[in-house]
């Protein structure tokens, strides 16, 4: 009887292992391609993605028009509007440039406006389990008050003109379980203000101070001028409650009457301002 040699099982077994290795290497290769494509997509993501996110987050009140560049380094024209359906709009002179950088704790953002910042505004955003925190490095910037008219009522009626100088020191805003926490301070000076509702130019200069702590507060006072403004407020949870008043120097009451009727509820010579 003729005997045929049996196959060597020790040599036949490696074939499936080799096939598995080839399959694994192929999966890694496709995974590398997918990862490389994703990284390239993120690295060169267009600036219009930022424009879309800002418009959605502000309910259409802040628009980044004609965006250029990428998500990480871009620029745009900034337009303030009254939101959906509003015909009010004002544009920031020049363009706004941004640089966005990921950090281990969140994101870093640098903003530079041709018209209004001598140095970039540097912000850091950190997500938290029940909210988030935004910090602004100490800064000084000056913005045209005409921008406010684009936000709709009552600013479109007041048509304020002048300069808004913003200065911050150690400012941090944190949202924790629906509550606003503030650290540091900020001061906004409205300088040489005027309005189309009054022939008096300028009407005055004013200061609004924000102070942090357990009960974050706002204080409004008059630096100079015939229109006198004062008031104070606090945040209760995430809502601001503010009480103030406006009045005119006796010899300027007629020139400021229209404005006093708009900015608050008239009570004799005073106009009472109430928010929240």
C-alpha atoms as a PDB file:
ATOM      1  CA  UNK A   1       0.000   0.000   0.000  1.00  0.00           C
ATOM      2  CA  UNK A   2       1.298   3.358  -0.924  1.00  0.00           C
ATOM      3  CA  UNK A   3       1.516   5.827   1.947  1.00  0.00           C
ATOM      4  CA  UNK A   4       1.196   9.525   1.363  1.00  0.00           C
ATOM      5  CA  UNK A   5       2.882  11.952   3.705  1.00  0.00           C
ATOM      6  CA  UNK A   6       0.532  13.782   6.044  1.00  0.00           C
ATOM      7  CA  UNK A   7       0.631  17.598   6.069  1.00  0.00           C
ATOM      8  CA  UNK A   8       2.856  19.151   8.691  1.00  0.00           C
ATOM      9  CA  UNK A   9       0.352  20.823  11.035  1.00  0.00           C
ATOM     10  CA  UNK A  10       3.047  22.864  12.713  1.00  0.00           C
ATOM     11  CA  UNK A  11       3.736  24.571   9.377  1.00  0.00           C
ATOM     12  CA  UNK A  12       0.079  25.045   8.385  1.00  0.00           C
ATOM     13  CA  UNK A  13      -1.016  26.964  11.515  1.00  0.00           C
ATOM     14  CA  UNK A  14       0.832  30.288  10.957  1.00  0.00           C
ATOM     15  CA  UNK A  15      -1.240  31.151   7.862  1.00  0.00           C
ATOM     16  CA  UNK A  16      -4.267  32.453   9.821  1.00  0.00           C
ATOM     17  CA  UNK A  17      -1.973  34.417  12.137  1.00  0.00           C
ATOM     18  CA  UNK A  18      -0.302  36.071   9.138  1.00  0.00           C
ATOM     19  CA  UNK A  19      -3.699  36.969   7.703  1.00  0.00           C
ATOM     20  CA  UNK A  20      -4.752  38.450  11.063  1.00  0.00           C
ATOM     21  CA  UNK A  21      -1.565  40.521  11.196  1.00  0.00           C
ATOM     22  CA  UNK A  22      -2.174  41.833   7.695  1.00  0.00           C
ATOM     23  CA  UNK A  23      -5.755  42.710   8.639  1.00  0.00           C
ATOM     24  CA  UNK A  24      -4.583  44.498  11.798  1.00  0.00           C
ATOM     25  CA  UNK A  25      -1.961  46.458   9.870  1.00  0.00           C
ATOM     26  CA  UNK A  26      -4.592  47.423   7.326  1.00  0.00           C
ATOM     27  CA  UNK A  27      -6.919  48.656  10.091  1.00  0.00           C
ATOM     28  CA  UNK A  28      -4.105  50.717  11.580  1.00  0.00           C
ATOM     29  CA  UNK A  29      -3.336  52.206   8.191  1.00  0.00           C
ATOM     30  CA  UNK A  30      -6.956  53.211   7.610  1.00  0.00           C
ATOM     31  CA  UNK A  31      -7.134  54.542  11.154  1.00  0.00           C
ATOM     32  CA  UNK A  32      -4.027  56.642  10.508  1.00  0.00           C
ATOM     33  CA  UNK A  33      -5.545  58.021   7.326  1.00  0.00           C
ATOM     34  CA  UNK A  34      -8.763  58.891   9.144  1.00  0.00           C
ATOM     35  CA  UNK A  35      -6.873  60.543  12.013  1.00  0.00           C
ATOM     36  CA  UNK A  36      -4.672  62.503   9.603  1.00  0.00           C
ATOM     37  CA  UNK A  37      -7.734  63.680   7.690  1.00  0.00           C
ATOM     38  CA  UNK A  38      -9.442  64.760  10.924  1.00  0.00           C
ATOM     39  CA  UNK A  39      -6.338  66.652  12.090  1.00  0.00           C
ATOM     40  CA  UNK A  40      -6.043  68.403   8.722  1.00  0.00           C
ATOM     41  CA  UNK A  41      -9.736  69.297   8.808  1.00  0.00           C
ATOM     42  CA  UNK A  42      -9.390  70.793  12.289  1.00  0.00           C
ATOM     43  CA  UNK A  43      -6.159  72.603  11.457  1.00  0.00           C
ATOM     44  CA  UNK A  44      -7.630  74.274   8.391  1.00  0.00           C
ATOM     45  CA  UNK A  45     -11.247  74.637   9.573  1.00  0.00           C
ATOM     46  CA  UNK A  46     -12.581  77.833   7.946  1.00  0.00           C
ATOM     47  CA  UNK A  47     -13.206  81.037   9.880  1.00  0.00           C
ATOM     48  CA  UNK A  48     -16.870  80.944   8.842  1.00  0.00           C
ATOM     49  CA  UNK A  49     -17.335  78.185  11.433  1.00  0.00           C
ATOM     50  CA  UNK A  50     -16.496  80.747  14.131  1.00  0.00           C
ATOM     51  CA  UNK A  51     -18.870  83.258  12.521  1.00  0.00           C
ATOM     52  CA  UNK A  52     -21.701  80.731  12.613  1.00  0.00           C
ATOM     53  CA  UNK A  53     -21.072  79.835  16.260  1.00  0.00           C
ATOM     54  CA  UNK A  54     -20.923  83.493  17.357  1.00  0.00           C
ATOM     55  CA  UNK A  55     -24.139  84.385  15.521  1.00  0.00           C
ATOM     56  CA  UNK A  56     -25.989  81.422  17.021  1.00  0.00           C
ATOM     57  CA  UNK A  57     -24.644  82.052  20.530  1.00  0.00           C
ATOM     58  CA  UNK A  58     -25.622  85.750  20.463  1.00  0.00           C
ATOM     59  CA  UNK A  59     -29.048  85.114  18.859  1.00  0.00           C
ATOM     60  CA  UNK A  60     -27.961  87.132  15.839  1.00  0.00           C
ATOM     61  CA  UNK A  61     -26.979  90.266  17.788  1.00  0.00           C
ATOM     62  CA  UNK A  62     -23.256  89.849  17.061  1.00  0.00           C
ATOM     63  CA  UNK A  63     -22.298  89.055  13.462  1.00  0.00           C
ATOM     64  CA  UNK A  64     -18.830  88.298  12.095  1.00  0.00           C
ATOM     65  CA  UNK A  65     -19.129  89.413   8.470  1.00  0.00           C
ATOM     66  CA  UNK A  66     -16.685  88.543   5.659  1.00  0.00           C
ATOM     67  CA  UNK A  67     -14.687  86.069   7.795  1.00  0.00           C
ATOM     68  CA  UNK A  68     -11.178  85.213   6.564  1.00  0.00           C
ATOM     69  CA  UNK A  69      -8.591  82.671   7.643  1.00  0.00           C
ATOM     70  CA  UNK A  70      -9.243  79.684   9.881  1.00  0.00           C
ATOM     71  CA  UNK A  71     -10.892  78.880  13.183  1.00  0.00           C
ATOM     72  CA  UNK A  72      -7.474  79.268  14.852  1.00  0.00           C
ATOM     73  CA  UNK A  73      -6.252  82.447  13.130  1.00  0.00           C
ATOM     74  CA  UNK A  74      -8.832  84.640  11.439  1.00  0.00           C
ATOM     75  CA  UNK A  75     -10.405  88.046  11.065  1.00  0.00           C
ATOM     76  CA  UNK A  76     -13.826  89.530  10.309  1.00  0.00           C
ATOM     77  CA  UNK A  77     -15.884  92.713  10.265  1.00  0.00           C
ATOM     78  CA  UNK A  78     -17.937  92.958  13.472  1.00  0.00           C
ATOM     79  CA  UNK A  79     -21.581  94.021  13.166  1.00  0.00           C
ATOM     80  CA  UNK A  80     -23.942  94.651  16.089  1.00  0.00           C
ATOM     81  CA  UNK A  81     -27.639  94.127  15.386  1.00  0.00           C
ATOM     82  CA  UNK A  82     -30.950  94.037  17.216  1.00  0.00           C
ATOM     83  CA  UNK A  83     -31.318  90.326  16.485  1.00  0.00           C
ATOM     84  CA  UNK A  84     -33.659  88.413  14.184  1.00  0.00           C
ATOM     85  CA  UNK A  85     -36.022  90.704  12.289  1.00  0.00           C
ATOM     86  CA  UNK A  86     -34.248  93.898  13.378  1.00  0.00           C
ATOM     87  CA  UNK A  87     -33.207  96.511  10.828  1.00  0.00           C
ATOM     88  CA  UNK A  88     -30.723  98.132  13.213  1.00  0.00           C
ATOM     89  CA  UNK A  89     -27.049  97.440  12.550  1.00  0.00           C
ATOM     90  CA  UNK A  90     -23.733  99.161  13.224  1.00  0.00           C
ATOM     91  CA  UNK A  91     -20.248  97.991  12.229  1.00  0.00           C
ATOM     92  CA  UNK A  92     -17.003  98.235  14.158  1.00  0.00           C
ATOM     93  CA  UNK A  93     -14.463 100.326  12.187  1.00  0.00           C
ATOM     94  CA  UNK A  94     -11.814  98.117  10.596  1.00  0.00           C
ATOM     95  CA  UNK A  95     -11.527  94.391  11.254  1.00  0.00           C
ATOM     96  CA  UNK A  96     -11.282  92.215  14.331  1.00  0.00           C
ATOM     97  CA  UNK A  97      -8.497  89.600  14.397  1.00  0.00           C
ATOM     98  CA  UNK A  98      -8.448  86.532  16.622  1.00  0.00           C
ATOM     99  CA  UNK A  99      -6.050  83.764  17.605  1.00  0.00           C
ATOM    100  CA  UNK A 100      -7.564  80.702  19.282  1.00  0.00           C
ATOM    101  CA  UNK A 101      -5.357  78.160  21.058  1.00  0.00           C
ATOM    102  CA  UNK A 102      -6.327  74.925  22.829  1.00  0.00           C
ATOM    103  CA  UNK A 103      -4.991  74.472  26.373  1.00  0.00           C
ATOM    104  CA  UNK A 104      -5.040  71.535  28.752  1.00  0.00           C
ATOM    105  CA  UNK A 105      -7.596  73.363  30.887  1.00  0.00           C
ATOM    106  CA  UNK A 106      -9.660  74.905  28.076  1.00  0.00           C
ATOM    107  CA  UNK A 107      -9.103  77.542  25.394  1.00  0.00           C
ATOM    108  CA  UNK A 108      -7.038  80.709  25.090  1.00  0.00           C
ATOM    109  CA  UNK A 109      -8.291  83.564  22.898  1.00  0.00           C
ATOM    110  CA  UNK A 110      -6.507  86.764  21.795  1.00  0.00           C
ATOM    111  CA  UNK A 111      -8.549  89.569  20.188  1.00  0.00           C
ATOM    112  CA  UNK A 112      -7.124  92.582  18.367  1.00  0.00           C
ATOM    113  CA  UNK A 113      -9.310  95.345  16.897  1.00  0.00           C
ATOM    114  CA  UNK A 114      -7.744  97.856  14.510  1.00  0.00           C
ATOM    115  CA  UNK A 115      -9.805 100.714  15.896  1.00  0.00           C
ATOM    116  CA  UNK A 116      -9.905 100.074  19.581  1.00  0.00           C
ATOM    117  CA  UNK A 117      -7.129  97.982  21.152  1.00  0.00           C
ATOM    118  CA  UNK A 118      -3.504  99.028  21.433  1.00  0.00           C
ATOM    119  CA  UNK A 119      -2.722  95.532  22.758  1.00  0.00           C
ATOM    120  CA  UNK A 120      -4.561  92.272  22.254  1.00  0.00           C
ATOM    121  CA  UNK A 121      -7.301  91.321  24.708  1.00  0.00           C
ATOM    122  CA  UNK A 122      -6.369  87.922  26.159  1.00  0.00           C
ATOM    123  CA  UNK A 123      -9.091  85.645  27.461  1.00  0.00           C
ATOM    124  CA  UNK A 124      -8.997  82.144  28.913  1.00  0.00           C
ATOM    125  CA  UNK A 125     -12.074  79.907  28.995  1.00  0.00           C
ATOM    126  CA  UNK A 126     -12.228  76.880  31.295  1.00  0.00           C
ATOM    127  CA  UNK A 127     -15.164  74.430  31.253  1.00  0.00           C
ATOM    128  CA  UNK A 128     -16.508  73.160  34.565  1.00  0.00           C
ATOM    129  CA  UNK A 129     -18.848  70.301  35.446  1.00  0.00           C
ATOM    130  CA  UNK A 130     -21.689  72.695  36.322  1.00  0.00           C
ATOM    131  CA  UNK A 131     -20.799  75.692  34.133  1.00  0.00           C
ATOM    132  CA  UNK A 132     -17.612  77.452  33.061  1.00  0.00           C
ATOM    133  CA  UNK A 133     -15.207  80.269  33.800  1.00  0.00           C
ATOM    134  CA  UNK A 134     -13.873  83.087  31.610  1.00  0.00           C
ATOM    135  CA  UNK A 135     -10.886  85.214  32.658  1.00  0.00           C
ATOM    136  CA  UNK A 136      -9.735  88.445  31.024  1.00  0.00           C
ATOM    137  CA  UNK A 137      -6.140  89.568  31.469  1.00  0.00           C
ATOM    138  CA  UNK A 138      -5.684  93.144  32.692  1.00  0.00           C
ATOM    139  CA  UNK A 139      -6.504  95.371  29.744  1.00  0.00           C
ATOM    140  CA  UNK A 140      -7.459  98.840  28.511  1.00  0.00           C
ATOM    141  CA  UNK A 141      -9.436  99.497  25.321  1.00  0.00           C
ATOM    142  CA  UNK A 142     -11.560 102.288  23.819  1.00  0.00           C
ATOM    143  CA  UNK A 143     -14.671 101.720  21.682  1.00  0.00           C
ATOM    144  CA  UNK A 144     -17.034 104.065  19.807  1.00  0.00           C
ATOM    145  CA  UNK A 145     -20.357 104.522  21.632  1.00  0.00           C
ATOM    146  CA  UNK A 146     -22.163 104.614  18.248  1.00  0.00           C
ATOM    147  CA  UNK A 147     -21.955 100.799  18.228  1.00  0.00           C
ATOM    148  CA  UNK A 148     -24.739 100.623  20.830  1.00  0.00           C
ATOM    149  CA  UNK A 149     -27.318 101.869  18.324  1.00  0.00           C
ATOM    150  CA  UNK A 150     -27.079  98.579  16.450  1.00  0.00           C
ATOM    151  CA  UNK A 151     -28.445  96.649  19.448  1.00  0.00           C
ATOM    152  CA  UNK A 152     -31.956  98.015  18.944  1.00  0.00           C
ATOM    153  CA  UNK A 153     -34.248  99.645  21.524  1.00  0.00           C
ATOM    154  CA  UNK A 154     -33.633 101.853  23.408  1.00  0.00           C
ATOM    155  CA  UNK A 155     -30.164 102.496  21.953  1.00  0.00           C
ATOM    156  CA  UNK A 156     -31.442 103.017  18.406  1.00  0.00           C
ATOM    157  CA  UNK A 157     -33.571 105.894  19.737  1.00  0.00           C
ATOM    158  CA  UNK A 158     -30.924 107.412  21.991  1.00  0.00           C
ATOM    159  CA  UNK A 159     -28.217 107.242  19.245  1.00  0.00           C
ATOM    160  CA  UNK A 160     -25.396 107.726  21.740  1.00  0.00           C
ATOM    161  CA  UNK A 161     -22.111 109.246  20.593  1.00  0.00           C
ATOM    162  CA  UNK A 162     -18.835 109.435  22.458  1.00  0.00           C
ATOM    163  CA  UNK A 163     -16.093 107.071  23.661  1.00  0.00           C
ATOM    164  CA  UNK A 164     -16.382 103.952  25.817  1.00  0.00           C
ATOM    165  CA  UNK A 165     -13.163 103.188  27.683  1.00  0.00           C
ATOM    166  CA  UNK A 166     -13.041  99.745  29.291  1.00  0.00           C
ATOM    167  CA  UNK A 167     -10.427  98.774  31.874  1.00  0.00           C
ATOM    168  CA  UNK A 168     -10.261  95.443  33.720  1.00  0.00           C
ATOM    169  CA  UNK A 169      -8.192  94.207  36.659  1.00  0.00           C
ATOM    170  CA  UNK A 170      -8.114  90.502  37.508  1.00  0.00           C
ATOM    171  CA  UNK A 171     -11.573  90.056  36.018  1.00  0.00           C
ATOM    172  CA  UNK A 172     -13.079  86.574  36.067  1.00  0.00           C
ATOM    173  CA  UNK A 173     -16.667  85.480  35.365  1.00  0.00           C
ATOM    174  CA  UNK A 174     -17.855  82.043  36.399  1.00  0.00           C
ATOM    175  CA  UNK A 175     -21.218  80.366  35.847  1.00  0.00           C
ATOM    176  CA  UNK A 176     -21.841  77.757  38.536  1.00  0.00           C
ATOM    177  CA  UNK A 177     -25.159  75.928  38.687  1.00  0.00           C
ATOM    178  CA  UNK A 178     -27.000  78.889  37.151  1.00  0.00           C
ATOM    179  CA  UNK A 179     -25.311  81.475  39.382  1.00  0.00           C
ATOM    180  CA  UNK A 180     -22.909  84.195  38.209  1.00  0.00           C
ATOM    181  CA  UNK A 181     -19.737  84.605  40.275  1.00  0.00           C
ATOM    182  CA  UNK A 182     -17.418  87.570  39.684  1.00  0.00           C
ATOM    183  CA  UNK A 183     -13.835  88.103  40.794  1.00  0.00           C
ATOM    184  CA  UNK A 184     -11.672  91.171  40.204  1.00  0.00           C
ATOM    185  CA  UNK A 185     -13.108  94.402  38.827  1.00  0.00           C
ATOM    186  CA  UNK A 186     -13.866  96.351  35.661  1.00  0.00           C
ATOM    187  CA  UNK A 187     -14.565 100.010  34.949  1.00  0.00           C
ATOM    188  CA  UNK A 188     -16.356 101.473  31.946  1.00  0.00           C
ATOM    189  CA  UNK A 189     -16.044 105.214  31.348  1.00  0.00           C
ATOM    190  CA  UNK A 190     -18.479 106.795  28.902  1.00  0.00           C
ATOM    191  CA  UNK A 191     -16.637 109.961  27.895  1.00  0.00           C
ATOM    192  CA  UNK A 192     -18.026 113.123  26.240  1.00  0.00           C
ATOM    193  CA  UNK A 193     -21.409 111.554  25.589  1.00  0.00           C
ATOM    194  CA  UNK A 194     -24.119 113.101  23.419  1.00  0.00           C
ATOM    195  CA  UNK A 195     -27.425 112.006  21.868  1.00  0.00           C
ATOM    196  CA  UNK A 196     -29.599 112.922  18.908  1.00  0.00           C
ATOM    197  CA  UNK A 197     -32.385 113.546  21.454  1.00  0.00           C
ATOM    198  CA  UNK A 198     -30.599 116.598  22.819  1.00  0.00           C
ATOM    199  CA  UNK A 199     -28.920 119.653  21.335  1.00  0.00           C
ATOM    200  CA  UNK A 200     -26.520 119.719  24.294  1.00  0.00           C
ATOM    201  CA  UNK A 201     -23.083 118.434  23.222  1.00  0.00           C
ATOM    202  CA  UNK A 202     -21.537 116.911  25.201  1.00  0.00           C
ATOM    203  CA  UNK A 203     -24.037 116.041  27.928  1.00  0.00           C
ATOM    204  CA  UNK A 204     -21.408 114.642  30.279  1.00  0.00           C
ATOM    205  CA  UNK A 205     -19.028 111.811  31.167  1.00  0.00           C
ATOM    206  CA  UNK A 206     -19.924 108.800  33.345  1.00  0.00           C
ATOM    207  CA  UNK A 207     -18.424 105.799  35.109  1.00  0.00           C
ATOM    208  CA  UNK A 208     -19.828 102.301  35.613  1.00  0.00           C
ATOM    209  CA  UNK A 209     -17.868 100.095  38.023  1.00  0.00           C
ATOM    210  CA  UNK A 210     -18.191  96.332  38.414  1.00  0.00           C
ATOM    211  CA  UNK A 211     -16.781  94.759  41.577  1.00  0.00           C
ATOM    212  CA  UNK A 212     -16.564  91.060  42.355  1.00  0.00           C
ATOM    213  CA  UNK A 213     -17.089  89.193  45.589  1.00  0.00           C
ATOM    214  CA  UNK A 214     -19.852  87.234  47.286  1.00  0.00           C
ATOM    215  CA  UNK A 215     -22.397  89.779  45.987  1.00  0.00           C
ATOM    216  CA  UNK A 216     -21.115  91.229  42.665  1.00  0.00           C
ATOM    217  CA  UNK A 217     -22.224  94.844  42.298  1.00  0.00           C
ATOM    218  CA  UNK A 218     -22.498  97.715  39.832  1.00  0.00           C
ATOM    219  CA  UNK A 219     -22.158 101.408  40.668  1.00  0.00           C
ATOM    220  CA  UNK A 220     -23.004 104.221  38.223  1.00  0.00           C
ATOM    221  CA  UNK A 221     -21.951 107.814  38.842  1.00  0.00           C
ATOM    222  CA  UNK A 222     -21.360 111.060  36.966  1.00  0.00           C
ATOM    223  CA  UNK A 223     -17.835 112.355  36.372  1.00  0.00           C
ATOM    224  CA  UNK A 224     -18.983 115.678  34.908  1.00  0.00           C
ATOM    225  CA  UNK A 225     -21.787 117.225  32.867  1.00  0.00           C
ATOM    226  CA  UNK A 226     -25.296 118.692  32.884  1.00  0.00           C
ATOM    227  CA  UNK A 227     -26.964 115.264  32.697  1.00  0.00           C
ATOM    228  CA  UNK A 228     -26.589 113.634  36.104  1.00  0.00           C
ATOM    229  CA  UNK A 229     -26.691 109.816  36.320  1.00  0.00           C
ATOM    230  CA  UNK A 230     -26.406 107.647  39.434  1.00  0.00           C
ATOM    231  CA  UNK A 231     -27.407 104.180  40.571  1.00  0.00           C
ATOM    232  CA  UNK A 232     -26.344 100.804  41.891  1.00  0.00           C
ATOM    233  CA  UNK A 233     -27.229  97.162  41.439  1.00  0.00           C
ATOM    234  CA  UNK A 234     -26.380  93.576  42.324  1.00  0.00           C
ATOM    235  CA  UNK A 235     -26.586  90.162  40.705  1.00  0.00           C
ATOM    236  CA  UNK A 236     -29.103  87.840  42.317  1.00  0.00           C
ATOM    237  CA  UNK A 237     -28.332  84.401  40.903  1.00  0.00           C
ATOM    238  CA  UNK A 238     -27.809  85.169  37.217  1.00  0.00           C
ATOM    239  CA  UNK A 239     -30.096  88.215  37.104  1.00  0.00           C
ATOM    240  CA  UNK A 240     -29.090  91.839  37.540  1.00  0.00           C
ATOM    241  CA  UNK A 241     -31.217  94.139  39.676  1.00  0.00           C
ATOM    242  CA  UNK A 242     -30.355  97.789  39.146  1.00  0.00           C
ATOM    243  CA  UNK A 243     -31.945 100.989  40.449  1.00  0.00           C
ATOM    244  CA  UNK A 244     -30.843 104.448  39.357  1.00  0.00           C
ATOM    245  CA  UNK A 245     -31.975 107.905  38.376  1.00  0.00           C
ATOM    246  CA  UNK A 246     -31.224 110.660  35.896  1.00  0.00           C
ATOM    247  CA  UNK A 247     -31.716 114.379  36.248  1.00  0.00           C
ATOM    248  CA  UNK A 248     -30.631 117.606  34.569  1.00  0.00           C
ATOM    249  CA  UNK A 249     -28.918 120.713  35.853  1.00  0.00           C
ATOM    250  CA  UNK A 250     -31.687 123.339  36.350  1.00  0.00           C
ATOM    251  CA  UNK A 251     -30.508 125.499  33.442  1.00  0.00           C
ATOM    252  CA  UNK A 252     -30.400 122.472  31.078  1.00  0.00           C
ATOM    253  CA  UNK A 253     -33.762 120.825  31.813  1.00  0.00           C
ATOM    254  CA  UNK A 254     -35.357 121.915  28.530  1.00  0.00           C
ATOM    255  CA  UNK A 255     -32.423 120.669  26.435  1.00  0.00           C
ATOM    256  CA  UNK A 256     -32.484 117.248  28.131  1.00  0.00           C
ATOM    257  CA  UNK A 257     -36.253 116.729  28.538  1.00  0.00           C
ATOM    258  CA  UNK A 258     -36.641 114.337  25.573  1.00  0.00           C
ATOM    259  CA  UNK A 259     -33.784 112.155  26.726  1.00  0.00           C
ATOM    260  CA  UNK A 260     -35.072 111.984  30.300  1.00  0.00           C
ATOM    261  CA  UNK A 261     -38.444 110.811  28.982  1.00  0.00           C
ATOM    262  CA  UNK A 262     -36.777 107.911  27.136  1.00  0.00           C
ATOM    263  CA  UNK A 263     -34.215 106.530  29.556  1.00  0.00           C
ATOM    264  CA  UNK A 264     -36.580 106.001  32.495  1.00  0.00           C
ATOM    265  CA  UNK A 265     -39.926 106.662  34.153  1.00  0.00           C
ATOM    266  CA  UNK A 266     -40.448 110.354  34.840  1.00  0.00           C
ATOM    267  CA  UNK A 267     -41.033 111.429  38.423  1.00  0.00           C
ATOM    268  CA  UNK A 268     -41.029 115.220  38.407  1.00  0.00           C
ATOM    269  CA  UNK A 269     -37.598 116.475  37.386  1.00  0.00           C
ATOM    270  CA  UNK A 270     -36.083 113.007  37.722  1.00  0.00           C
ATOM    271  CA  UNK A 271     -36.175 109.945  35.516  1.00  0.00           C
ATOM    272  CA  UNK A 272     -36.161 106.632  37.411  1.00  0.00           C
ATOM    273  CA  UNK A 273     -34.183 103.730  35.928  1.00  0.00           C
ATOM    274  CA  UNK A 274     -35.047 100.158  36.892  1.00  0.00           C
ATOM    275  CA  UNK A 275     -33.679  96.841  35.586  1.00  0.00           C
ATOM    276  CA  UNK A 276     -34.698  93.430  36.902  1.00  0.00           C
END
